[in-house]
Amino acid sequence: FLMDEPLSNLDAKLRVQTRTQIAVLQRRLGTTTVYVTHDQV
């Protein structure tokens, strides 16, 4: 999976919620993932 700043268009609250969902989903699927972001948090 390649993800290019997929959360940058979401509002702050939704970003927090969705980043957790992505992390959980990746661990569930076990697929190698390369994720790009400028947000160090």
Full PDB file with SEQRES, HELIX, SHEET, SSBOND, CRYST1, ORIGX, SCALE, CONECT and MASTER records, all heavy atoms in Angstrom:
SEQRES   1 A   41  PHE LEU MET ASP GLU PRO LEU SER ASN LEU ASP ALA LYS          
SEQRES   2 A   41  LEU ARG VAL GLN THR ARG THR GLN ILE ALA VAL LEU GLN          
SEQRES   3 A   41  ARG ARG LEU GLY THR THR THR VAL TYR VAL THR HIS ASP          
SEQRES   4 A   41  GLN VAL                                                      
HELIX    1 AA1 ALA A   12  LEU A   29  1                                  18    
SHEET    1 AA1 2 LEU A   2  ASP A   4  0                                        
SHEET    2 AA1 2 VAL A  34  VAL A  36  1                                        
CRYST1    1.000    1.000    1.000  90.00  90.00  90.00 P 1           1          
ORIGX1      1.000000  0.000000  0.000000        0.00000                         
ORIGX2      0.000000  1.000000  0.000000        0.00000                         
ORIGX3      0.000000  0.000000  1.000000        0.00000                         
SCALE1      1.000000  0.000000  0.000000        0.00000                         
SCALE2      0.000000  1.000000  0.000000        0.00000                         
SCALE3      0.000000  0.000000  1.000000        0.00000                         
ATOM      1  N   PHE A   1       0.856  -1.187   0.000  1.00  0.00           N  
ATOM      2  CA  PHE A   1       0.000   0.000   0.000  1.00  0.00           C  
ATOM      3  C   PHE A   1       0.894   1.239   0.000  1.00  0.00           C  
ATOM      4  O   PHE A   1       1.862   1.321   0.769  1.00  0.00           O  
ATOM      5  CB  PHE A   1      -0.874   0.065   1.253  1.00  0.00           C  
ATOM      6  CG  PHE A   1      -2.013  -0.905   1.285  1.00  0.00           C  
ATOM      7  CD1 PHE A   1      -2.317  -1.584   2.452  1.00  0.00           C  
ATOM      8  CD2 PHE A   1      -2.790  -1.132   0.167  1.00  0.00           C  
ATOM      9  CE1 PHE A   1      -3.381  -2.479   2.503  1.00  0.00           C  
ATOM     10  CE2 PHE A   1      -3.856  -2.021   0.204  1.00  0.00           C  
ATOM     11  CZ  PHE A   1      -4.148  -2.698   1.373  1.00  0.00           C  
ATOM     12  N   LEU A   2       0.534   2.230  -0.828  1.00  0.00           N  
ATOM     13  CA  LEU A   2       1.217   3.522  -0.838  1.00  0.00           C  
ATOM     14  C   LEU A   2       0.194   4.591  -0.496  1.00  0.00           C  
ATOM     15  O   LEU A   2      -0.869   4.656  -1.122  1.00  0.00           O  
ATOM     16  CB  LEU A   2       1.832   3.802  -2.212  1.00  0.00           C  
ATOM     17  CG  LEU A   2       2.726   2.703  -2.813  1.00  0.00           C  
ATOM     18  CD1 LEU A   2       3.282   3.146  -4.156  1.00  0.00           C  
ATOM     19  CD2 LEU A   2       3.851   2.334  -1.861  1.00  0.00           C  
ATOM     20  N   MET A   3       0.492   5.421   0.492  1.00  0.00           N  
ATOM     21  CA  MET A   3      -0.453   6.451   0.931  1.00  0.00           C  
ATOM     22  C   MET A   3       0.242   7.808   0.944  1.00  0.00           C  
ATOM     23  O   MET A   3       1.220   8.012   1.673  1.00  0.00           O  
ATOM     24  CB  MET A   3      -0.994   6.124   2.325  1.00  0.00           C  
ATOM     25  CG  MET A   3      -1.720   4.794   2.397  1.00  0.00           C  
ATOM     26  SD  MET A   3      -2.585   4.542   3.968  1.00  0.00           S  
ATOM     27  CE  MET A   3      -3.258   2.893   3.716  1.00  0.00           C  
ATOM     28  N   ASP A   4      -0.265   8.727   0.120  1.00  0.00           N  
ATOM     29  CA  ASP A   4       0.346  10.050  -0.030  1.00  0.00           C  
ATOM     30  C   ASP A   4      -0.493  11.102   0.686  1.00  0.00           C  
ATOM     31  O   ASP A   4      -1.462  11.616   0.131  1.00  0.00           O  
ATOM     32  CB  ASP A   4       0.479  10.387  -1.518  1.00  0.00           C  
ATOM     33  CG  ASP A   4       1.327  11.627  -1.751  1.00  0.00           C  
ATOM     34  OD1 ASP A   4       1.877  12.166  -0.770  1.00  0.00           O  
ATOM     35  OD2 ASP A   4       1.435  12.059  -2.912  1.00  0.00           O  
ATOM     36  N   GLU A   5      -0.143  11.408   1.914  1.00  0.00           N  
ATOM     37  CA  GLU A   5      -0.836  12.395   2.752  1.00  0.00           C  
ATOM     38  C   GLU A   5      -2.357  12.218   2.680  1.00  0.00           C  
ATOM     39  O   GLU A   5      -3.091  13.162   2.358  1.00  0.00           O  
ATOM     40  CB  GLU A   5      -0.430  13.818   2.348  1.00  0.00           C  
ATOM     41  CG  GLU A   5       1.073  14.022   2.392  1.00  0.00           C  
ATOM     42  CD  GLU A   5       1.480  15.422   2.808  1.00  0.00           C  
ATOM     43  OE1 GLU A   5       0.821  15.996   3.670  1.00  0.00           O  
ATOM     44  OE2 GLU A   5       2.489  15.913   2.271  1.00  0.00           O  
ATOM     45  N   PRO A   6      -2.874  11.031   2.985  1.00  0.00           N  
ATOM     46  CA  PRO A   6      -4.300  10.768   2.786  1.00  0.00           C  
ATOM     47  C   PRO A   6      -5.223  11.509   3.744  1.00  0.00           C  
ATOM     48  O   PRO A   6      -6.427  11.541   3.515  1.00  0.00           O  
ATOM     49  CB  PRO A   6      -4.408   9.255   3.014  1.00  0.00           C  
ATOM     50  CG  PRO A   6      -3.282   8.933   3.946  1.00  0.00           C  
ATOM     51  CD  PRO A   6      -2.171   9.855   3.543  1.00  0.00           C  
ATOM     52  N   LEU A   7      -4.679  12.108   4.810  1.00  0.00           N  
ATOM     53  CA  LEU A   7      -5.545  12.755   5.801  1.00  0.00           C  
ATOM     54  C   LEU A   7      -5.515  14.277   5.724  1.00  0.00           C  
ATOM     55  O   LEU A   7      -6.185  14.944   6.506  1.00  0.00           O  
ATOM     56  CB  LEU A   7      -5.127  12.318   7.224  1.00  0.00           C  
ATOM     57  CG  LEU A   7      -5.040  10.817   7.474  1.00  0.00           C  
ATOM     58  CD1 LEU A   7      -4.714  10.542   8.933  1.00  0.00           C  
ATOM     59  CD2 LEU A   7      -6.330  10.119   7.079  1.00  0.00           C  
ATOM     60  N   SER A   8      -4.768  14.827   4.800  1.00  0.00           N  
ATOM     61  CA  SER A   8      -4.556  16.279   4.808  1.00  0.00           C  
ATOM     62  C   SER A   8      -5.805  17.084   4.498  1.00  0.00           C  
ATOM     63  O   SER A   8      -5.876  18.269   4.819  1.00  0.00           O  
ATOM     64  CB  SER A   8      -3.432  16.654   3.828  1.00  0.00           C  
ATOM     65  OG  SER A   8      -3.775  16.240   2.522  1.00  0.00           O  
ATOM     66  N   ASN A   9      -6.814  16.463   3.874  1.00  0.00           N  
ATOM     67  CA  ASN A   9      -8.055  17.193   3.558  1.00  0.00           C  
ATOM     68  C   ASN A   9      -9.124  17.062   4.633  1.00  0.00           C  
ATOM     69  O   ASN A   9     -10.230  17.575   4.474  1.00  0.00           O  
ATOM     70  CB  ASN A   9      -8.631  16.696   2.226  1.00  0.00           C  
ATOM     71  CG  ASN A   9      -7.817  17.172   1.033  1.00  0.00           C  
ATOM     72  OD1 ASN A   9      -7.106  18.165   1.129  1.00  0.00           O  
ATOM     73  ND2 ASN A   9      -7.909  16.465  -0.072  1.00  0.00           N  
ATOM     74  N   LEU A  10      -8.799  16.380   5.731  1.00  0.00           N  
ATOM     75  CA  LEU A  10      -9.781  16.172   6.796  1.00  0.00           C  
ATOM     76  C   LEU A  10      -9.600  17.203   7.902  1.00  0.00           C  
ATOM     77  O   LEU A  10      -8.501  17.738   8.104  1.00  0.00           O  
ATOM     78  CB  LEU A  10      -9.629  14.763   7.384  1.00  0.00           C  
ATOM     79  CG  LEU A  10      -9.715  13.591   6.395  1.00  0.00           C  
ATOM     80  CD1 LEU A  10      -9.595  12.272   7.136  1.00  0.00           C  
ATOM     81  CD2 LEU A  10     -11.017  13.644   5.599  1.00  0.00           C  
ATOM     82  N   ASP A  11     -10.673  17.474   8.652  1.00  0.00           N  
ATOM     83  CA  ASP A  11     -10.546  18.395   9.778  1.00  0.00           C  
ATOM     84  C   ASP A  11      -9.788  17.710  10.912  1.00  0.00           C  
ATOM     85  O   ASP A  11      -9.563  16.493  10.904  1.00  0.00           O  
ATOM     86  CB  ASP A  11     -11.911  18.888  10.245  1.00  0.00           C  
ATOM     87  CG  ASP A  11     -12.820  17.769  10.745  1.00  0.00           C  
ATOM     88  OD1 ASP A  11     -12.386  16.983  11.610  1.00  0.00           O  
ATOM     89  OD2 ASP A  11     -13.970  17.673  10.272  1.00  0.00           O  
ATOM     90  N   ALA A  12      -9.383  18.515  11.906  1.00  0.00           N  
ATOM     91  CA  ALA A  12      -8.472  18.034  12.946  1.00  0.00           C  
ATOM     92  C   ALA A  12      -9.019  16.820  13.697  1.00  0.00           C  
ATOM     93  O   ALA A  12      -8.300  15.837  13.912  1.00  0.00           O  
ATOM     94  CB  ALA A  12      -8.166  19.169  13.929  1.00  0.00           C  
ATOM     95  N   LYS A  13     -10.286  16.866  14.085  1.00  0.00           N  
ATOM     96  CA  LYS A  13     -10.869  15.764  14.852  1.00  0.00           C  
ATOM     97  C   LYS A  13     -10.922  14.491  14.020  1.00  0.00           C  
ATOM     98  O   LYS A  13     -10.587  13.388  14.499  1.00  0.00           O  
ATOM     99  CB  LYS A  13     -12.271  16.140  15.337  1.00  0.00           C  
ATOM    100  CG  LYS A  13     -12.934  15.050  16.175  1.00  0.00           C  
ATOM    101  CD  LYS A  13     -14.308  15.497  16.657  1.00  0.00           C  
ATOM    102  CE  LYS A  13     -14.977  14.397  17.483  1.00  0.00           C  
ATOM    103  NZ  LYS A  13     -16.327  14.812  17.960  1.00  0.00           N  
ATOM    104  N   LEU A  14     -11.315  14.633  12.758  1.00  0.00           N  
ATOM    105  CA  LEU A  14     -11.436  13.474  11.884  1.00  0.00           C  
ATOM    106  C   LEU A  14     -10.069  12.893  11.543  1.00  0.00           C  
ATOM    107  O   LEU A  14      -9.922  11.683  11.347  1.00  0.00           O  
ATOM    108  CB  LEU A  14     -12.183  13.861  10.608  1.00  0.00           C  
ATOM    109  CG  LEU A  14     -12.784  12.723   9.774  1.00  0.00           C  
ATOM    110  CD1 LEU A  14     -13.656  11.821  10.632  1.00  0.00           C  
ATOM    111  CD2 LEU A  14     -13.582  13.297   8.617  1.00  0.00           C  
ATOM    112  N   ARG A  15      -9.067  13.747  11.475  1.00  0.00           N  
ATOM    113  CA  ARG A  15      -7.700  13.269  11.217  1.00  0.00           C  
ATOM    114  C   ARG A  15      -7.264  12.315  12.314  1.00  0.00           C  
ATOM    115  O   ARG A  15      -6.688  11.254  12.050  1.00  0.00           O  
ATOM    116  CB  ARG A  15      -6.727  14.446  11.159  1.00  0.00           C  
ATOM    117  CG  ARG A  15      -6.742  15.209   9.868  1.00  0.00           C  
ATOM    118  CD  ARG A  15      -5.803  16.391   9.939  1.00  0.00           C  
ATOM    119  NE  ARG A  15      -4.417  15.960   9.923  1.00  0.00           N  
ATOM    120  CZ  ARG A  15      -3.576  16.215   8.933  1.00  0.00           C  
ATOM    121  NH1 ARG A  15      -3.992  16.867   7.873  1.00  0.00           N  
ATOM    122  NH2 ARG A  15      -2.343  15.813   9.000  1.00  0.00           N  
ATOM    123  N   VAL A  16      -7.496  12.711  13.569  1.00  0.00           N  
ATOM    124  CA  VAL A  16      -7.092  11.867  14.695  1.00  0.00           C  
ATOM    125  C   VAL A  16      -7.813  10.529  14.643  1.00  0.00           C  
ATOM    126  O   VAL A  16      -7.211   9.468  14.830  1.00  0.00           O  
ATOM    127  CB  VAL A  16      -7.380  12.590  16.025  1.00  0.00           C  
ATOM    128  CG1 VAL A  16      -7.115  11.666  17.211  1.00  0.00           C  
ATOM    129  CG2 VAL A  16      -6.526  13.854  16.143  1.00  0.00           C  
ATOM    130  N   GLN A  17      -9.104  10.584  14.379  1.00  0.00           N  
ATOM    131  CA  GLN A  17      -9.910   9.369  14.322  1.00  0.00           C  
ATOM    132  C   GLN A  17      -9.469   8.455  13.177  1.00  0.00           C  
ATOM    133  O   GLN A  17      -9.293   7.248  13.345  1.00  0.00           O  
ATOM    134  CB  GLN A  17     -11.380   9.743  14.150  1.00  0.00           C  
ATOM    135  CG  GLN A  17     -12.321   8.550  13.993  1.00  0.00           C  
ATOM    136  CD  GLN A  17     -13.750   8.993  13.715  1.00  0.00           C  
ATOM    137  OE1 GLN A  17     -14.146  10.107  14.051  1.00  0.00           O  
ATOM    138  NE2 GLN A  17     -14.530   8.141  13.086  1.00  0.00           N  
ATOM    139  N   THR A  18      -9.247   9.049  11.993  1.00  0.00           N  
ATOM    140  CA  THR A  18      -8.938   8.251  10.815  1.00  0.00           C  
ATOM    141  C   THR A  18      -7.531   7.684  10.869  1.00  0.00           C  
ATOM    142  O   THR A  18      -7.287   6.571  10.393  1.00  0.00           O  
ATOM    143  CB  THR A  18      -9.127   9.089   9.535  1.00  0.00           C  
ATOM    144  OG1 THR A  18     -10.423   9.694   9.556  1.00  0.00           O  
ATOM    145  CG2 THR A  18      -8.997   8.231   8.294  1.00  0.00           C  
ATOM    146  N   ARG A  19      -6.581   8.428  11.433  1.00  0.00           N  
ATOM    147  CA  ARG A  19      -5.219   7.884  11.506  1.00  0.00           C  
ATOM    148  C   ARG A  19      -5.175   6.650  12.405  1.00  0.00           C  
ATOM    149  O   ARG A  19      -4.416   5.717  12.146  1.00  0.00           O  
ATOM    150  CB  ARG A  19      -4.227   8.954  11.956  1.00  0.00           C  
ATOM    151  CG  ARG A  19      -4.228   9.314  13.422  1.00  0.00           C  
ATOM    152  CD  ARG A  19      -3.324  10.497  13.677  1.00  0.00           C  
ATOM    153  NE  ARG A  19      -3.225  10.820  15.095  1.00  0.00           N  
ATOM    154  CZ  ARG A  19      -2.921  12.023  15.572  1.00  0.00           C  
ATOM    155  NH1 ARG A  19      -2.709  13.021  14.733  1.00  0.00           N  
ATOM    156  NH2 ARG A  19      -2.823  12.239  16.861  1.00  0.00           N  
ATOM    157  N   THR A  20      -6.002   6.647  13.448  1.00  0.00           N  
ATOM    158  CA  THR A  20      -6.083   5.462  14.296  1.00  0.00           C  
ATOM    159  C   THR A  20      -6.670   4.295  13.512  1.00  0.00           C  
ATOM    160  O   THR A  20      -6.185   3.160  13.594  1.00  0.00           O  
ATOM    161  CB  THR A  20      -6.951   5.753  15.536  1.00  0.00           C  
ATOM    162  OG1 THR A  20      -6.391   6.851  16.251  1.00  0.00           O  
ATOM    163  CG2 THR A  20      -7.027   4.544  16.452  1.00  0.00           C  
ATOM    164  N   GLN A  21      -7.704   4.560  12.723  1.00  0.00           N  
ATOM    165  CA  GLN A  21      -8.329   3.513  11.918  1.00  0.00           C  
ATOM    166  C   GLN A  21      -7.354   2.933  10.901  1.00  0.00           C  
ATOM    167  O   GLN A  21      -7.309   1.711  10.683  1.00  0.00           O  
ATOM    168  CB  GLN A  21      -9.569   4.071  11.207  1.00  0.00           C  
ATOM    169  CG  GLN A  21     -10.719   4.433  12.140  1.00  0.00           C  
ATOM    170  CD  GLN A  21     -11.847   5.145  11.413  1.00  0.00           C  
ATOM    171  OE1 GLN A  21     -11.662   5.697  10.334  1.00  0.00           O  
ATOM    172  NE2 GLN A  21     -13.028   5.151  12.021  1.00  0.00           N  
ATOM    173  N   ILE A  22      -6.552   3.800  10.275  1.00  0.00           N  
ATOM    174  CA  ILE A  22      -5.581   3.326   9.285  1.00  0.00           C  
ATOM    175  C   ILE A  22      -4.534   2.440   9.944  1.00  0.00           C  
ATOM    176  O   ILE A  22      -4.175   1.373   9.418  1.00  0.00           O  
ATOM    177  CB  ILE A  22      -4.912   4.517   8.568  1.00  0.00           C  
ATOM    178  CG1 ILE A  22      -5.927   5.221   7.658  1.00  0.00           C  
ATOM    179  CG2 ILE A  22      -3.708   4.060   7.752  1.00  0.00           C  
ATOM    180  CD1 ILE A  22      -5.382   6.466   6.982  1.00  0.00           C  
ATOM    181  N   ALA A  23      -4.022   2.859  11.100  1.00  0.00           N  
ATOM    182  CA  ALA A  23      -3.007   2.077  11.797  1.00  0.00           C  
ATOM    183  C   ALA A  23      -3.554   0.701  12.201  1.00  0.00           C  
ATOM    184  O   ALA A  23      -2.880  -0.323  12.034  1.00  0.00           O  
ATOM    185  CB  ALA A  23      -2.506   2.838  13.012  1.00  0.00           C  
ATOM    186  N   VAL A  24      -4.779   0.684  12.725  1.00  0.00           N  
ATOM    187  CA  VAL A  24      -5.401  -0.591  13.135  1.00  0.00           C  
ATOM    188  C   VAL A  24      -5.635  -1.476  11.912  1.00  0.00           C  
ATOM    189  O   VAL A  24      -5.378  -2.691  11.934  1.00  0.00           O  
ATOM    190  CB  VAL A  24      -6.722  -0.329  13.884  1.00  0.00           C  
ATOM    191  CG1 VAL A  24      -7.498  -1.628  14.089  1.00  0.00           C  
ATOM    192  CG2 VAL A  24      -6.448   0.353  15.221  1.00  0.00           C  
ATOM    193  N   LEU A  25      -6.117  -0.866  10.825  1.00  0.00           N  
ATOM    194  CA  LEU A  25      -6.401  -1.608   9.599  1.00  0.00           C  
ATOM    195  C   LEU A  25      -5.124  -2.226   9.032  1.00  0.00           C  
ATOM    196  O   LEU A  25      -5.115  -3.390   8.617  1.00  0.00           O  
ATOM    197  CB  LEU A  25      -7.039  -0.668   8.576  1.00  0.00           C  
ATOM    198  CG  LEU A  25      -7.336  -1.260   7.191  1.00  0.00           C  
ATOM    199  CD1 LEU A  25      -8.366  -2.372   7.315  1.00  0.00           C  
ATOM    200  CD2 LEU A  25      -7.829  -0.169   6.253  1.00  0.00           C  
ATOM    201  N   GLN A  26      -4.028  -1.455   9.022  1.00  0.00           N  
ATOM    202  CA  GLN A  26      -2.767  -1.976   8.477  1.00  0.00           C  
ATOM    203  C   GLN A  26      -2.276  -3.177   9.274  1.00  0.00           C  
ATOM    204  O   GLN A  26      -1.806  -4.164   8.712  1.00  0.00           O  
ATOM    205  CB  GLN A  26      -1.713  -0.864   8.466  1.00  0.00           C  
ATOM    206  CG  GLN A  26      -0.461  -1.197   7.670  1.00  0.00           C  
ATOM    207  CD  GLN A  26       0.571  -1.986   8.454  1.00  0.00           C  
ATOM    208  OE1 GLN A  26       0.586  -1.928   9.690  1.00  0.00           O  
ATOM    209  NE2 GLN A  26       1.432  -2.703   7.757  1.00  0.00           N  
ATOM    210  N   ARG A  27      -2.408  -3.097  10.591  1.00  0.00           N  
ATOM    211  CA  ARG A  27      -1.959  -4.212  11.419  1.00  0.00           C  
ATOM    212  C   ARG A  27      -2.852  -5.443  11.218  1.00  0.00           C  
ATOM    213  O   ARG A  27      -2.390  -6.570  11.268  1.00  0.00           O  
ATOM    214  CB  ARG A  27      -1.909  -3.795  12.890  1.00  0.00           C  
ATOM    215  CG  ARG A  27      -0.688  -2.934  13.199  1.00  0.00           C  
ATOM    216  CD  ARG A  27      -0.857  -2.087  14.455  1.00  0.00           C  
ATOM    217  NE  ARG A  27       0.319  -1.297  14.738  1.00  0.00           N  
ATOM    218  CZ  ARG A  27       0.665  -0.194  14.082  1.00  0.00           C  
ATOM    219  NH1 ARG A  27      -0.084   0.229  13.095  1.00  0.00           N  
ATOM    220  NH2 ARG A  27       1.757   0.476  14.400  1.00  0.00           N  
ATOM    221  N   ARG A  28      -4.119  -5.172  10.965  1.00  0.00           N  
ATOM    222  CA  ARG A  28      -5.049  -6.281  10.732  1.00  0.00           C  
ATOM    223  C   ARG A  28      -4.758  -6.976   9.406  1.00  0.00           C  
ATOM    224  O   ARG A  28      -4.755  -8.214   9.324  1.00  0.00           O  
ATOM    225  CB  ARG A  28      -6.482  -5.750  10.749  1.00  0.00           C  
ATOM    226  CG  ARG A  28      -7.537  -6.802  10.465  1.00  0.00           C  
ATOM    227  CD  ARG A  28      -8.934  -6.198  10.590  1.00  0.00           C  
ATOM    228  NE  ARG A  28      -9.970  -7.151  10.215  1.00  0.00           N  
ATOM    229  CZ  ARG A  28     -11.268  -6.875  10.218  1.00  0.00           C  
ATOM    230  NH1 ARG A  28     -11.684  -5.669  10.595  1.00  0.00           N  
ATOM    231  NH2 ARG A  28     -12.151  -7.800   9.857  1.00  0.00           N  
ATOM    232  N   LEU A  29      -4.484  -6.188   8.363  1.00  0.00           N  
ATOM    233  CA  LEU A  29      -4.231  -6.763   7.041  1.00  0.00           C  
ATOM    234  C   LEU A  29      -2.802  -7.284   6.907  1.00  0.00           C  
ATOM    235  O   LEU A  29      -2.541  -8.222   6.151  1.00  0.00           O  
ATOM    236  CB  LEU A  29      -4.496  -5.716   5.953  1.00  0.00           C  
ATOM    237  CG  LEU A  29      -5.932  -5.197   5.844  1.00  0.00           C  
ATOM    238  CD1 LEU A  29      -6.004  -4.064   4.829  1.00  0.00           C  
ATOM    239  CD2 LEU A  29      -6.885  -6.328   5.463  1.00  0.00           C  
ATOM    240  N   GLY A  30      -1.865  -6.645   7.617  1.00  0.00           N  
ATOM    241  CA  GLY A  30      -0.464  -7.061   7.558  1.00  0.00           C  
ATOM    242  C   GLY A  30       0.220  -6.739   6.257  1.00  0.00           C  
ATOM    243  O   GLY A  30       1.265  -7.323   5.929  1.00  0.00           O  
ATOM    244  N   THR A  31      -0.329  -5.794   5.488  1.00  0.00           N  
ATOM    245  CA  THR A  31       0.249  -5.435   4.190  1.00  0.00           C  
ATOM    246  C   THR A  31       1.322  -4.372   4.369  1.00  0.00           C  
ATOM    247  O   THR A  31       1.125  -3.389   5.087  1.00  0.00           O  
ATOM    248  CB  THR A  31      -0.845  -4.903   3.243  1.00  0.00           C  
ATOM    249  OG1 THR A  31      -1.899  -5.863   3.153  1.00  0.00           O  
ATOM    250  CG2 THR A  31      -0.281  -4.635   1.854  1.00  0.00           C  
ATOM    251  N   THR A  32       2.446  -4.572   3.718  1.00  0.00           N  
ATOM    252  CA  THR A  32       3.522  -3.573   3.734  1.00  0.00           C  
ATOM    253  C   THR A  32       2.953  -2.229   3.294  1.00  0.00           C  
ATOM    254  O   THR A  32       2.292  -2.129   2.256  1.00  0.00           O  
ATOM    255  CB  THR A  32       4.656  -3.996   2.789  1.00  0.00           C  
ATOM    256  OG1 THR A  32       5.073  -5.324   3.117  1.00  0.00           O  
ATOM    257  CG2 THR A  32       5.838  -3.039   2.907  1.00  0.00           C  
ATOM    258  N   THR A  33       3.214  -1.179   4.079  1.00  0.00           N  
ATOM    259  CA  THR A  33       2.632   0.139   3.806  1.00  0.00           C  
ATOM    260  C   THR A  33       3.706   1.219   3.881  1.00  0.00           C  
ATOM    261  O   THR A  33       4.484   1.260   4.836  1.00  0.00           O  
ATOM    262  CB  THR A  33       1.512   0.464   4.807  1.00  0.00           C  
ATOM    263  OG1 THR A  33       0.484  -0.539   4.707  1.00  0.00           O  
ATOM    264  CG2 THR A  33       0.908   1.829   4.547  1.00  0.00           C  
ATOM    265  N   VAL A  34       3.732   2.061   2.861  1.00  0.00           N  
ATOM    266  CA  VAL A  34       4.611   3.234   2.855  1.00  0.00           C  
ATOM    267  C   VAL A  34       3.706   4.456   2.868  1.00  0.00           C  
ATOM    268  O   VAL A  34       2.890   4.645   1.957  1.00  0.00           O  
ATOM    269  CB  VAL A  34       5.544   3.253   1.634  1.00  0.00           C  
ATOM    270  CG1 VAL A  34       6.530   4.413   1.748  1.00  0.00           C  
ATOM    271  CG2 VAL A  34       6.294   1.928   1.507  1.00  0.00           C  
ATOM    272  N   TYR A  35       3.856   5.282   3.895  1.00  0.00           N  
ATOM    273  CA  TYR A  35       2.919   6.381   4.181  1.00  0.00           C  
ATOM    274  C   TYR A  35       3.701   7.687   4.212  1.00  0.00           C  
ATOM    275  O   TYR A  35       4.721   7.792   4.905  1.00  0.00           O  
ATOM    276  CB  TYR A  35       2.269   6.104   5.529  1.00  0.00           C  
ATOM    277  CG  TYR A  35       1.161   7.039   5.953  1.00  0.00           C  
ATOM    278  CD1 TYR A  35      -0.178   6.655   5.852  1.00  0.00           C  
ATOM    279  CD2 TYR A  35       1.428   8.292   6.490  1.00  0.00           C  
ATOM    280  CE1 TYR A  35      -1.205   7.496   6.267  1.00  0.00           C  
ATOM    281  CE2 TYR A  35       0.412   9.137   6.898  1.00  0.00           C  
ATOM    282  CZ  TYR A  35      -0.902   8.738   6.787  1.00  0.00           C  
ATOM    283  OH  TYR A  35      -1.911   9.574   7.204  1.00  0.00           O  
ATOM    284  N   VAL A  36       3.234   8.670   3.462  1.00  0.00           N  
ATOM    285  CA  VAL A  36       3.901   9.973   3.391  1.00  0.00           C  
ATOM    286  C   VAL A  36       3.107  11.013   4.162  1.00  0.00           C  
ATOM    287  O   VAL A  36       1.881  11.099   4.020  1.00  0.00           O  
ATOM    288  CB  VAL A  36       4.054  10.416   1.916  1.00  0.00           C  
ATOM    289  CG1 VAL A  36       4.338  11.916   1.828  1.00  0.00           C  
ATOM    290  CG2 VAL A  36       5.176   9.643   1.248  1.00  0.00           C  
ATOM    291  N   THR A  37       3.803  11.797   4.991  1.00  0.00           N  
ATOM    292  CA  THR A  37       3.149  12.906   5.698  1.00  0.00           C  
ATOM    293  C   THR A  37       4.181  13.960   6.055  1.00  0.00           C  
ATOM    294  O   THR A  37       5.373  13.660   6.205  1.00  0.00           O  
ATOM    295  CB  THR A  37       2.441  12.411   6.973  1.00  0.00           C  
ATOM    296  OG1 THR A  37       1.788  13.520   7.604  1.00  0.00           O  
ATOM    297  CG2 THR A  37       3.418  11.810   7.963  1.00  0.00           C  
ATOM    298  N   HIS A  38       3.718  15.213   6.179  1.00  0.00           N  
ATOM    299  CA  HIS A  38       4.583  16.268   6.709  1.00  0.00           C  
ATOM    300  C   HIS A  38       4.280  16.509   8.180  1.00  0.00           C  
ATOM    301  O   HIS A  38       4.983  17.283   8.848  1.00  0.00           O  
ATOM    302  CB  HIS A  38       4.354  17.578   5.936  1.00  0.00           C  
ATOM    303  CG  HIS A  38       2.974  18.144   6.139  1.00  0.00           C  
ATOM    304  ND1 HIS A  38       1.890  17.737   5.399  1.00  0.00           N  
ATOM    305  CD2 HIS A  38       2.495  19.049   7.020  1.00  0.00           C  
ATOM    306  CE1 HIS A  38       0.817  18.381   5.803  1.00  0.00           C  
ATOM    307  NE2 HIS A  38       1.141  19.179   6.797  1.00  0.00           N  
ATOM    308  N   ASP A  39       3.256  15.836   8.697  1.00  0.00           N  
ATOM    309  CA  ASP A  39       2.802  16.021  10.069  1.00  0.00           C  
ATOM    310  C   ASP A  39       3.555  15.046  10.969  1.00  0.00           C  
ATOM    311  O   ASP A  39       3.305  13.839  10.964  1.00  0.00           O  
ATOM    312  CB  ASP A  39       1.294  15.760  10.142  1.00  0.00           C  
ATOM    313  CG  ASP A  39       0.705  16.049  11.514  1.00  0.00           C  
ATOM    314  OD1 ASP A  39       1.437  15.926  12.514  1.00  0.00           O  
ATOM    315  OD2 ASP A  39      -0.487  16.380  11.595  1.00  0.00           O  
ATOM    316  N   GLN A  40       4.497  15.567  11.776  1.00  0.00           N  
ATOM    317  CA  GLN A  40       5.329  14.674  12.567  1.00  0.00           C  
ATOM    318  C   GLN A  40       4.553  14.000  13.698  1.00  0.00           C  
ATOM    319  O   GLN A  40       4.903  12.905  14.122  1.00  0.00           O  
ATOM    320  CB  GLN A  40       6.568  15.400  13.091  1.00  0.00           C  
ATOM    321  CG  GLN A  40       6.319  16.713  13.787  1.00  0.00           C  
ATOM    322  CD  GLN A  40       6.055  16.549  15.250  1.00  0.00           C  
ATOM    323  OE1 GLN A  40       6.521  15.603  15.869  1.00  0.00           O  
ATOM    324  NE2 GLN A  40       5.295  17.453  15.820  1.00  0.00           N  
ATOM    325  N   VAL A  41       3.461  14.610  14.171  1.00  0.00           N  
ATOM    326  CA  VAL A  41       2.628  13.944  15.176  1.00  0.00           C  
ATOM    327  C   VAL A  41       1.960  12.725  14.548  1.00  0.00           C  
ATOM    328  O   VAL A  41       1.896  11.641  15.143  1.00  0.00           O  
ATOM    329  CB  VAL A  41       1.572  14.914  15.749  1.00  0.00           C  
ATOM    330  CG1 VAL A  41       0.616  14.179  16.674  1.00  0.00           C  
ATOM    331  CG2 VAL A  41       2.255  16.063  16.493  1.00  0.00           C  
TER     332      VAL A  41                                                      
MASTER        0    0    0    1    2    0    0    6  331    1    0    4          
END                                                                             
